[in-house]
Protein backbone atom coordinates (compact mmCIF):
# COMPACT_ATOMS: atom_id res chain seq x y z
CA UNK A 1 -24.47 -8.13 -16.66
CA UNK A 2 -22.26 -7.38 -13.66
CA UNK A 3 -20.39 -4.10 -13.55
CA UNK A 4 -16.75 -4.34 -14.53
CA UNK A 5 -13.70 -3.19 -12.62
CA UNK A 6 -10.11 -2.94 -13.77
CA UNK A 7 -7.71 -3.73 -10.92
CA UNK A 8 -4.12 -2.71 -11.61
CA UNK A 9 -1.24 -4.29 -9.74
CA UNK A 10 -3.46 -7.36 -9.61
CA UNK A 11 -0.67 -9.92 -9.29
CA UNK A 12 0.70 -8.30 -6.14
CA UNK A 13 -0.01 -8.79 -2.45
CA UNK A 14 -2.73 -6.14 -2.22
CA UNK A 15 -4.04 -6.99 -5.70
CA UNK A 16 -4.96 -10.53 -4.66
CA UNK A 17 -7.16 -9.24 -1.85
CA UNK A 18 -8.70 -6.56 -4.06
CA UNK A 19 -9.75 -9.24 -6.53
CA UNK A 20 -11.22 -11.36 -3.74
CA UNK A 21 -13.21 -8.40 -2.36
CA UNK A 22 -14.43 -7.29 -5.79
CA UNK A 23 -15.73 -10.75 -6.67
CA UNK A 24 -17.50 -10.99 -3.31
CA UNK A 25 -19.23 -7.74 -4.25
CA UNK A 26 -20.46 -9.18 -7.56
CA UNK A 27 -18.07 -7.25 -9.77
CA UNK A 28 -16.61 -8.68 -12.96
CA UNK A 29 -12.85 -8.37 -12.57
CA UNK A 30 -10.25 -7.55 -15.17
CA UNK A 31 -6.81 -8.03 -13.65
CA UNK A 32 -4.08 -5.82 -15.09
CA UNK A 33 -0.81 -7.76 -15.06
CA UNK A 34 2.46 -7.89 -16.96
CA UNK A 35 3.01 -10.81 -19.31
CA UNK A 36 5.94 -11.77 -17.08
CA UNK A 37 3.84 -11.65 -13.89
CA UNK A 38 3.35 -14.79 -11.83
CA UNK A 39 -0.39 -15.41 -11.70
CA UNK A 40 -0.66 -19.02 -10.53
CA UNK A 41 -2.09 -17.83 -7.21
CA UNK A 42 -4.93 -16.11 -9.07
CA UNK A 43 -6.17 -19.25 -10.82
CA UNK A 44 -8.80 -19.80 -8.12
CA UNK A 45 -10.60 -16.67 -9.30
CA UNK A 46 -12.97 -16.33 -12.24
CA UNK A 47 -11.28 -13.27 -13.78
CA UNK A 48 -10.01 -11.98 -17.08
CA UNK A 49 -6.51 -10.66 -17.61
CA UNK A 50 -5.52 -7.35 -19.16
CA UNK A 51 -1.96 -6.62 -20.28
CA UNK A 52 -2.29 -2.92 -19.71
CA UNK A 53 0.12 -0.49 -21.39
CA UNK A 54 0.51 2.33 -18.86
CA UNK A 55 2.87 4.26 -21.13
CA UNK A 56 0.23 5.03 -23.75
CA UNK A 57 -2.90 7.07 -23.06
CA UNK A 58 -4.27 5.98 -26.44
CA UNK A 59 -3.78 2.29 -25.65
CA UNK A 60 -5.31 2.74 -22.19
CA UNK A 61 -8.33 4.55 -23.63
CA UNK A 62 -8.84 1.82 -26.22
CA UNK A 63 -8.62 -0.87 -23.54
CA UNK A 64 -11.20 0.87 -21.33
CA UNK A 65 -13.60 1.24 -24.25
CA UNK A 66 -13.05 -2.27 -25.61
CA UNK A 67 -13.49 -4.01 -22.25
CA UNK A 68 -16.21 -1.60 -21.13
CA UNK A 69 -14.87 -0.98 -17.64
CA UNK A 70 -17.16 0.78 -15.19
CA UNK A 71 -14.60 1.28 -12.45
CA UNK A 72 -10.84 1.39 -11.92
CA UNK A 73 -8.95 0.52 -8.75
CA UNK A 74 -5.38 1.64 -9.36
CA UNK A 75 -3.05 -0.30 -7.06
CA UNK A 76 -0.06 -0.68 -9.39
CA UNK A 77 3.15 0.98 -8.25
CA UNK A 78 6.59 0.42 -6.79
CA UNK A 79 7.70 0.72 -3.17
CA UNK A 80 11.38 0.10 -3.97
CA UNK A 81 13.31 1.80 -6.79
CA UNK A 82 16.84 2.87 -7.61
CA UNK A 83 16.02 6.53 -8.23
CA UNK A 84 13.41 9.25 -7.73
CA UNK A 85 12.91 9.26 -11.50
CA UNK A 86 11.92 5.60 -11.42
CA UNK A 87 9.42 6.21 -8.62
CA UNK A 88 7.93 9.12 -10.58
CA UNK A 89 7.76 7.20 -13.86
CA UNK A 90 5.70 4.41 -12.32
CA UNK A 91 3.88 5.86 -9.33
CA UNK A 92 3.11 9.27 -10.83
CA UNK A 93 3.15 8.99 -14.63
CA UNK A 94 1.21 5.70 -14.78
CA UNK A 95 -1.50 7.24 -12.59
CA UNK A 96 -1.73 10.35 -14.74
CA UNK A 97 -1.94 8.35 -17.98
CA UNK A 98 -4.65 6.09 -16.60
CA UNK A 99 -6.64 9.10 -15.36
CA UNK A 100 -6.34 10.77 -18.78
CA UNK A 101 -7.64 7.61 -20.42
CA UNK A 102 -10.49 7.33 -17.93
CA UNK A 103 -11.60 10.86 -18.79
CA UNK A 104 -11.13 10.35 -22.54
CA UNK A 105 -13.25 7.19 -22.51
CA UNK A 106 -16.14 8.88 -20.74
CA UNK A 107 -17.03 5.51 -19.22
CA UNK A 108 -15.47 5.39 -15.77
CA UNK A 109 -17.91 5.91 -12.92
CA UNK A 110 -15.18 5.95 -10.26
CA UNK A 111 -11.38 5.95 -10.15
CA UNK A 112 -9.98 4.69 -6.84
CA UNK A 113 -6.29 5.48 -6.39
CA UNK A 114 -4.32 3.69 -3.68
CA UNK A 115 -1.78 6.22 -2.53
CA UNK A 116 0.02 5.96 0.82
CA UNK A 117 0.35 7.60 4.21
CA UNK A 118 3.93 8.20 3.06
CA UNK A 119 2.48 10.91 0.80
CA UNK A 120 1.56 12.79 3.97
CA UNK A 121 4.72 12.08 5.93
CA UNK A 122 5.05 11.49 9.68
CA UNK A 123 4.64 13.86 12.62
CA UNK A 124 7.88 14.97 14.26
CA UNK A 125 6.58 14.58 17.84
CA UNK A 126 5.03 11.64 19.69
CA UNK A 127 1.96 13.75 20.47
CA UNK A 128 -0.61 14.57 17.82
CA UNK A 129 -2.18 12.71 14.92
CA UNK A 130 -2.00 12.94 11.14
CA UNK A 131 -5.19 14.22 9.52
CA UNK A 132 -6.17 15.11 5.96
CA UNK A 133 -5.65 18.77 6.88
CA UNK A 134 -1.96 18.30 7.68
CA UNK A 135 0.58 19.75 5.27
CA UNK A 136 1.97 16.99 3.06
CA UNK A 137 5.63 16.57 3.97
CA UNK A 138 6.83 13.20 2.67
CA UNK A 139 10.31 12.12 3.76
CA UNK A 140 11.18 9.72 0.92
CA UNK A 141 11.21 9.74 -2.88
CA UNK A 142 8.46 7.10 -2.73
CA UNK A 143 6.28 9.42 -0.65
CA UNK A 144 7.00 12.35 -2.96
CA UNK A 145 6.01 10.29 -6.02
CA UNK A 146 2.69 9.37 -4.42
CA UNK A 147 2.06 12.98 -3.41
CA UNK A 148 2.74 14.16 -6.97
CA UNK A 149 0.36 11.52 -8.30
CA UNK A 150 -2.32 12.85 -5.97
CA UNK A 151 -1.66 16.44 -7.05
CA UNK A 152 -1.97 15.51 -10.71
CA UNK A 153 -5.11 13.45 -10.14
CA UNK A 154 -6.80 16.41 -8.44
CA UNK A 155 -6.46 18.37 -11.70
CA UNK A 156 -8.98 16.08 -13.41
CA UNK A 157 -12.06 18.00 -12.34
CA UNK A 158 -14.40 15.92 -14.52
CA UNK A 159 -13.21 12.59 -13.06
CA UNK A 160 -14.94 10.99 -10.10
CA UNK A 161 -11.97 9.85 -8.04
CA UNK A 162 -11.13 8.83 -4.50
CA UNK A 163 -7.62 8.87 -3.06
CA UNK A 164 -6.90 6.35 -0.30
CA UNK A 165 -3.81 6.77 1.88
CA UNK A 166 -3.29 3.54 3.82
CA UNK A 167 -0.68 3.27 6.53
CA UNK A 168 1.54 0.14 6.74
CA UNK A 169 -0.42 -2.69 5.08
CA UNK A 170 0.09 -6.29 6.20
CA UNK A 171 -1.61 -9.63 5.80
CA UNK A 172 -1.41 -13.00 4.03
CA UNK A 173 0.93 -12.99 1.01
CA UNK A 174 2.84 -9.90 2.16
CA UNK A 175 6.58 -10.49 1.81
CA UNK A 176 7.74 -7.25 3.43
CA UNK A 177 6.38 -7.75 6.93
CA UNK A 178 7.30 -11.42 6.58
CA UNK A 179 10.98 -10.38 6.77
CA UNK A 180 10.33 -8.79 10.16
CA UNK A 181 8.18 -11.65 11.43
CA UNK A 182 10.86 -14.18 10.46
CA UNK A 183 13.34 -12.26 12.61
CA UNK A 184 10.97 -12.45 15.56
CA UNK A 185 10.32 -16.15 14.90
CA UNK A 186 14.10 -16.62 14.91
CA UNK A 187 14.17 -15.11 18.42
CA UNK A 188 15.78 -11.87 17.21
CA UNK A 189 14.05 -8.52 17.86
CA UNK A 190 16.06 -5.55 16.48
CA UNK A 191 15.24 -1.85 16.71
CA UNK A 192 16.90 1.25 15.31
CA UNK A 193 17.96 3.53 18.14
CA UNK A 194 16.27 4.06 21.51
CA UNK A 195 13.35 6.38 20.86
CA UNK A 196 9.68 6.65 21.66
CA UNK A 197 7.90 5.71 18.46
CA UNK A 198 4.25 5.22 17.57
CA UNK A 199 3.03 3.29 14.54
CA UNK A 200 -0.20 2.49 12.75
CA UNK A 201 -1.22 -0.52 10.68
CA UNK A 202 -4.04 -1.69 8.44
CA UNK A 203 -4.94 -5.27 7.65
CA UNK A 204 -5.09 -5.91 3.92
CA UNK A 205 -8.69 -7.14 3.99
CA UNK A 206 -9.78 -3.87 5.58
CA UNK A 207 -7.92 -1.95 2.86
CA UNK A 208 -9.69 -4.02 0.20
CA UNK A 209 -13.02 -3.23 1.83
CA UNK A 210 -12.20 0.49 1.80
CA UNK A 211 -11.45 0.29 -1.93
CA UNK A 212 -14.80 -1.33 -2.66
CA UNK A 213 -16.56 1.31 -0.53
CA UNK A 214 -14.69 3.98 -2.49
CA UNK A 215 -16.30 2.81 -5.73
CA UNK A 216 -19.65 4.21 -4.66
CA UNK A 217 -18.92 6.59 -1.77
CA UNK A 218 -16.90 9.79 -1.52
CA UNK A 219 -15.90 11.92 -4.48
CA UNK A 220 -12.83 13.94 -5.41
CA UNK A 221 -11.44 13.59 -1.91
CA UNK A 222 -8.61 11.88 -0.03
CA UNK A 223 -8.88 9.59 3.00
CA UNK A 224 -6.40 8.30 5.56
CA UNK A 225 -6.74 4.61 6.40
CA UNK A 226 -5.58 2.55 9.37
CA UNK A 227 -7.23 0.25 11.91
CA UNK A 228 -7.84 3.35 14.01
CA UNK A 229 -5.46 2.22 16.77
CA UNK A 230 -2.20 3.59 18.20
CA UNK A 231 0.70 1.17 18.72
CA UNK A 232 4.08 1.73 20.30
CA UNK A 233 7.16 0.40 18.51
CA UNK A 234 7.22 -2.85 20.51
CA UNK A 235 3.61 -3.90 19.97
CA UNK A 236 4.18 -5.75 16.68
CA UNK A 237 6.82 -7.95 18.32
CA UNK A 238 4.90 -8.38 21.56
CA UNK A 239 1.79 -9.63 19.78
CA UNK A 240 3.84 -11.90 17.50
CA UNK A 241 5.72 -13.41 20.43
CA UNK A 242 2.50 -14.09 22.31
CA UNK A 243 0.82 -15.68 19.29
CA UNK A 244 3.86 -17.85 18.54
CA UNK A 245 4.56 -18.60 22.20
CA UNK A 246 8.20 -17.53 22.03
CA UNK A 247 10.73 -15.18 23.63
CA UNK A 248 13.24 -13.05 21.72
CA UNK A 249 16.57 -11.33 22.16
CA UNK A 250 15.84 -7.60 21.96
CA UNK A 251 18.56 -5.29 20.69
CA UNK A 252 18.66 -1.56 19.94
CA UNK A 253 21.08 -0.85 17.09
CA UNK A 254 22.73 2.59 16.99
CA UNK A 255 21.30 4.76 14.23
CA UNK A 256 24.79 5.49 12.95
CA UNK A 257 25.54 1.78 12.59
CA UNK A 258 22.30 1.16 10.66
CA UNK A 259 23.08 4.17 8.46
CA UNK A 260 26.38 2.55 7.48
CA UNK A 261 24.60 -0.72 6.66
CA UNK A 262 21.99 1.20 4.65
CA UNK A 263 24.76 2.97 2.74
CA UNK A 264 26.37 -0.34 1.86
CA UNK A 265 23.02 -1.78 0.74
CA UNK A 266 22.45 1.31 -1.37
CA UNK A 267 25.83 0.93 -3.02
CA UNK A 268 25.19 -2.72 -3.81
CA UNK A 269 21.81 -1.87 -5.33
CA UNK A 270 23.44 0.68 -7.64
CA UNK A 271 25.85 -1.97 -8.88
CA UNK A 272 23.29 -4.76 -9.26
CA UNK A 273 20.48 -2.44 -10.44
CA UNK A 274 18.23 -4.21 -7.93
CA UNK A 275 16.59 -1.82 -5.43
CA UNK A 276 17.22 -2.52 -1.76
CA UNK A 277 14.51 -2.55 0.90
CA UNK A 278 16.92 -0.63 3.14
CA UNK A 279 18.66 2.55 2.08
CA UNK A 280 19.71 5.80 3.73
CA UNK A 281 16.54 7.61 2.70
CA UNK A 282 14.34 4.80 4.03
CA UNK A 283 15.73 5.51 7.49
CA UNK A 284 13.71 8.74 7.43
CA UNK A 285 10.56 6.61 7.59
CA UNK A 286 11.92 3.88 9.86
CA UNK A 287 13.09 6.35 12.51
CA UNK A 288 10.11 8.74 12.33
CA UNK A 289 8.48 8.98 15.75
CA UNK A 290 4.78 9.27 14.86
CA UNK A 291 2.80 7.56 12.08
CA UNK A 292 -0.59 7.67 13.82
CA UNK A 293 -3.42 8.85 11.57
CA UNK A 294 -7.08 9.72 12.00
CA UNK A 295 -9.71 7.69 10.11
CA UNK A 296 -12.60 9.92 11.20
CA UNK A 297 -13.18 11.26 7.70
CA UNK A 298 -13.17 7.75 6.17
CA UNK A 299 -15.62 6.57 8.81
CA UNK A 300 -17.96 9.48 8.14
CA UNK A 301 -17.84 9.68 4.34
CA UNK A 302 -16.92 6.14 3.23
CA UNK A 303 -18.59 4.35 6.14
CA UNK A 304 -15.29 2.56 6.63
CA UNK A 305 -15.13 0.66 9.91
CA UNK A 306 -12.07 -1.63 10.26
CA UNK A 307 -12.84 -5.21 11.25
CA UNK A 308 -9.29 -6.09 12.33
CA UNK A 309 -6.88 -4.69 14.89
CA UNK A 310 -3.21 -5.69 14.97
CA UNK A 311 -3.88 -8.67 17.23
CA UNK A 312 -6.61 -10.28 15.11
CA UNK A 313 -4.90 -9.36 11.85
CA UNK A 314 -1.54 -10.80 12.90
CA UNK A 315 -3.22 -13.94 14.19
CA UNK A 316 -4.81 -14.58 10.80
CA UNK A 317 -1.61 -13.62 8.97
CA UNK A 318 0.67 -15.86 11.03
CA UNK A 319 -1.73 -18.79 10.64
CA UNK A 320 -1.66 -18.29 6.86
CA UNK A 321 2.13 -18.09 6.78
CA UNK A 322 2.45 -21.29 8.79
CA UNK A 323 -0.21 -23.16 6.79
CA UNK A 324 1.52 -22.21 3.52
CA UNK A 325 5.02 -22.87 4.90
CA UNK A 326 6.17 -19.27 4.53
CA UNK A 327 7.10 -19.17 8.21
């Protein structure tokens, strides 16, 4: 019988690719989804569904024992919320409850937690690189919730865990970067302020590979993940324009103007109770000058070697968007 893995957040963008990678590695997949989740895009996979109750350690323990999971890849979480409390409830508390259940069951060989580079925070200067030894200084409530989840997970000394901190993840089915790419495709190329800024990216298939590697390599440690490259703020647009064969109108919006727009969006989200992708706090991440991170530790201990850079990853992503009429 194949070993079994529970993949949380399975109906999401990253979850789809985790399922695909797990099946390719001969794992029997249990996909944790909500009963309200859209799962039509998962019908191509031979998987079983689990309607996991993250609020109950007892229910989680029973599920692990009943379904006889060997591994857990915890990808469930929120990147947009209306309050710090909401981020903590989902990103931190769900992780803690699942870790408690993993320990209580005594079954889990490895717990892979997908955190975020946001849990580290950016560097304040264009020189330098983020490493695992840097002090964790997140600049958003999202980043703080991921950092707290990491801190709590490290308290489980009897649990074999790996913490992965990917930088900006993109690829087929991602709706966040699609917003930006649609602007470029519409010949509009906006930036916030006129600053030197360096960014890092990771293609979703490389992230999925890192998660599978983490099931058997590394232990009770955290790893930064990117494609290992350094990109200036214009590279994403430049590659997209070349691949699409287009030109754009480039504009640098004053930070103060964007702050006003972010404030309005924040106010609307409070009224509608629907979190906005842009808010005043998010500007801390969007205007940070250095998100470059080292993957040396992941290369050495996980044997993680990215197969995609931004050019090849965007090429595959754009082709998928066009083929599926998303772009």
